[in-house]
Amino acid sequence: MLSIHEFYRRFENMPREQRYALIEFSPEPTSFFVLFQQLSEVKKQKAYFEERERHLLNQAEQALRKING
C-alpha cells in the first residue's frame, strides 16, 4: 500500500494539470488534488487526536499517582 509520505512526494512532482484531472473510481470520481486535501485533513486530525490522547493519558497518570500516593 502507498504510504502517505510517498503520495505527498508524488503529488508534489506531478504536473498541475494531472493534479486536477478527474480519476474515475467507483463509487466516487475524484482527483489527486481532492485526495491531497482529504489526506492533509486526515493528517491534521491524526495529530490532534494523538496529542489529545497524550494529554488524557497524562491526566490519568497524574490522577492515579494522587490516589495511590
C-alpha atoms as a PDB file:
ATOM      1  CA  MET A   1       0.000   0.000   0.000  1.00  0.00           C
ATOM      2  CA  LEU A   2       1.153   3.521  -0.791  1.00  0.00           C
ATOM      3  CA  SER A   3       2.327   5.459   2.275  1.00  0.00           C
ATOM      4  CA  ILE A   4       1.093   8.986   2.865  1.00  0.00           C
ATOM      5  CA  HIS A   5       4.636  10.338   2.561  1.00  0.00           C
ATOM      6  CA  GLU A   6       5.081   8.613  -0.800  1.00  0.00           C
ATOM      7  CA  PHE A   7       1.764  10.051  -2.007  1.00  0.00           C
ATOM      8  CA  TYR A   8       2.776  13.590  -0.959  1.00  0.00           C
ATOM      9  CA  ARG A   9       6.140  13.204  -2.702  1.00  0.00           C
ATOM     10  CA  ARG A  10       4.493  12.002  -5.909  1.00  0.00           C
ATOM     11  CA  PHE A  11       1.802  14.687  -5.714  1.00  0.00           C
ATOM     12  CA  GLU A  12       4.412  17.441  -5.411  1.00  0.00           C
ATOM     13  CA  ASN A  13       6.171  16.087  -8.516  1.00  0.00           C
ATOM     14  CA  MET A  14       3.003  15.914 -10.643  1.00  0.00           C
ATOM     15  CA  PRO A  15       2.282  18.483 -13.354  1.00  0.00           C
ATOM     16  CA  ARG A  16      -0.520  20.847 -12.279  1.00  0.00           C
ATOM     17  CA  GLU A  17      -2.982  19.570 -14.894  1.00  0.00           C
ATOM     18  CA  GLN A  18      -2.501  15.995 -13.706  1.00  0.00           C
ATOM     19  CA  ARG A  19      -3.215  17.000 -10.087  1.00  0.00           C
ATOM     20  CA  TYR A  20      -6.684  18.253 -11.011  1.00  0.00           C
ATOM     21  CA  ALA A  21      -7.580  15.674 -13.652  1.00  0.00           C
ATOM     22  CA  LEU A  22     -10.600  13.538 -12.877  1.00  0.00           C
ATOM     23  CA  ILE A  23      -9.876   9.991 -11.703  1.00  0.00           C
ATOM     24  CA  GLU A  24     -12.690   7.521 -12.302  1.00  0.00           C
ATOM     25  CA  PHE A  25     -13.064   5.234  -9.289  1.00  0.00           C
ATOM     26  CA  SER A  26     -16.194   3.520  -8.104  1.00  0.00           C
ATOM     27  CA  PRO A  27     -18.205   4.720  -6.329  1.00  0.00           C
ATOM     28  CA  GLU A  28     -16.954   8.306  -6.479  1.00  0.00           C
ATOM     29  CA  PRO A  29     -14.920  10.188  -9.087  1.00  0.00           C
ATOM     30  CA  THR A  30     -12.149  12.308  -7.597  1.00  0.00           C
ATOM     31  CA  SER A  31      -8.836  13.973  -8.439  1.00  0.00           C
ATOM     32  CA  PHE A  32      -5.352  13.801  -6.982  1.00  0.00           C
ATOM     33  CA  PHE A  33      -5.913  17.307  -5.613  1.00  0.00           C
ATOM     34  CA  VAL A  34      -9.056  16.207  -3.753  1.00  0.00           C
ATOM     35  CA  LEU A  35      -7.175  13.183  -2.395  1.00  0.00           C
ATOM     36  CA  PHE A  36      -4.345  15.501  -1.339  1.00  0.00           C
ATOM     37  CA  GLN A  37      -6.758  17.795   0.502  1.00  0.00           C
ATOM     38  CA  GLN A  38      -8.512  14.921   2.243  1.00  0.00           C
ATOM     39  CA  LEU A  39      -5.238  13.283   3.262  1.00  0.00           C
ATOM     40  CA  SER A  40      -3.980  16.620   4.596  1.00  0.00           C
ATOM     41  CA  GLU A  41      -7.114  16.962   6.707  1.00  0.00           C
ATOM     42  CA  VAL A  42      -6.771  13.394   7.990  1.00  0.00           C
ATOM     43  CA  LYS A  43      -3.139  14.111   8.876  1.00  0.00           C
ATOM     44  CA  LYS A  44      -4.177  17.197  10.911  1.00  0.00           C
ATOM     45  CA  GLN A  45      -6.906  15.250  12.686  1.00  0.00           C
ATOM     46  CA  LYS A  46      -4.497  12.412  13.426  1.00  0.00           C
ATOM     47  CA  ALA A  47      -2.033  14.848  15.006  1.00  0.00           C
ATOM     48  CA  TYR A  48      -4.842  16.420  17.061  1.00  0.00           C
ATOM     49  CA  PHE A  49      -6.084  13.064  18.332  1.00  0.00           C
ATOM     50  CA  GLU A  50      -2.576  11.823  19.114  1.00  0.00           C
ATOM     51  CA  GLU A  51      -1.959  14.989  21.160  1.00  0.00           C
ATOM     52  CA  ARG A  52      -5.355  14.623  22.832  1.00  0.00           C
ATOM     53  CA  GLU A  53      -4.522  11.010  23.713  1.00  0.00           C
ATOM     54  CA  ARG A  54      -1.187  12.094  25.265  1.00  0.00           C
ATOM     55  CA  HIS A  55      -2.957  14.806  27.257  1.00  0.00           C
ATOM     56  CA  LEU A  56      -5.641  12.451  28.587  1.00  0.00           C
ATOM     57  CA  LEU A  57      -3.112   9.764  29.467  1.00  0.00           C
ATOM     58  CA  ASN A  58      -1.046  12.369  31.303  1.00  0.00           C
ATOM     59  CA  GLN A  59      -4.118  13.426  33.287  1.00  0.00           C
ATOM     60  CA  ALA A  60      -4.914   9.799  34.114  1.00  0.00           C
ATOM     61  CA  GLU A  61      -1.332   9.177  35.212  1.00  0.00           C
ATOM     62  CA  GLN A  62      -1.371  12.232  37.481  1.00  0.00           C
ATOM     63  CA  ALA A  63      -4.728  11.234  38.975  1.00  0.00           C
ATOM     64  CA  LEU A  64      -3.508   7.667  39.622  1.00  0.00           C
ATOM     65  CA  ARG A  65      -0.389   8.989  41.367  1.00  0.00           C
ATOM     66  CA  LYS A  66      -2.567  11.251  43.511  1.00  0.00           C
ATOM     67  CA  ILE A  67      -4.850   8.441  44.713  1.00  0.00           C
ATOM     68  CA  ASN A  68      -2.031   5.917  45.147  1.00  0.00           C
ATOM     69  CA  GLY A  69       0.199   8.354  46.989  1.00  0.00           C
END
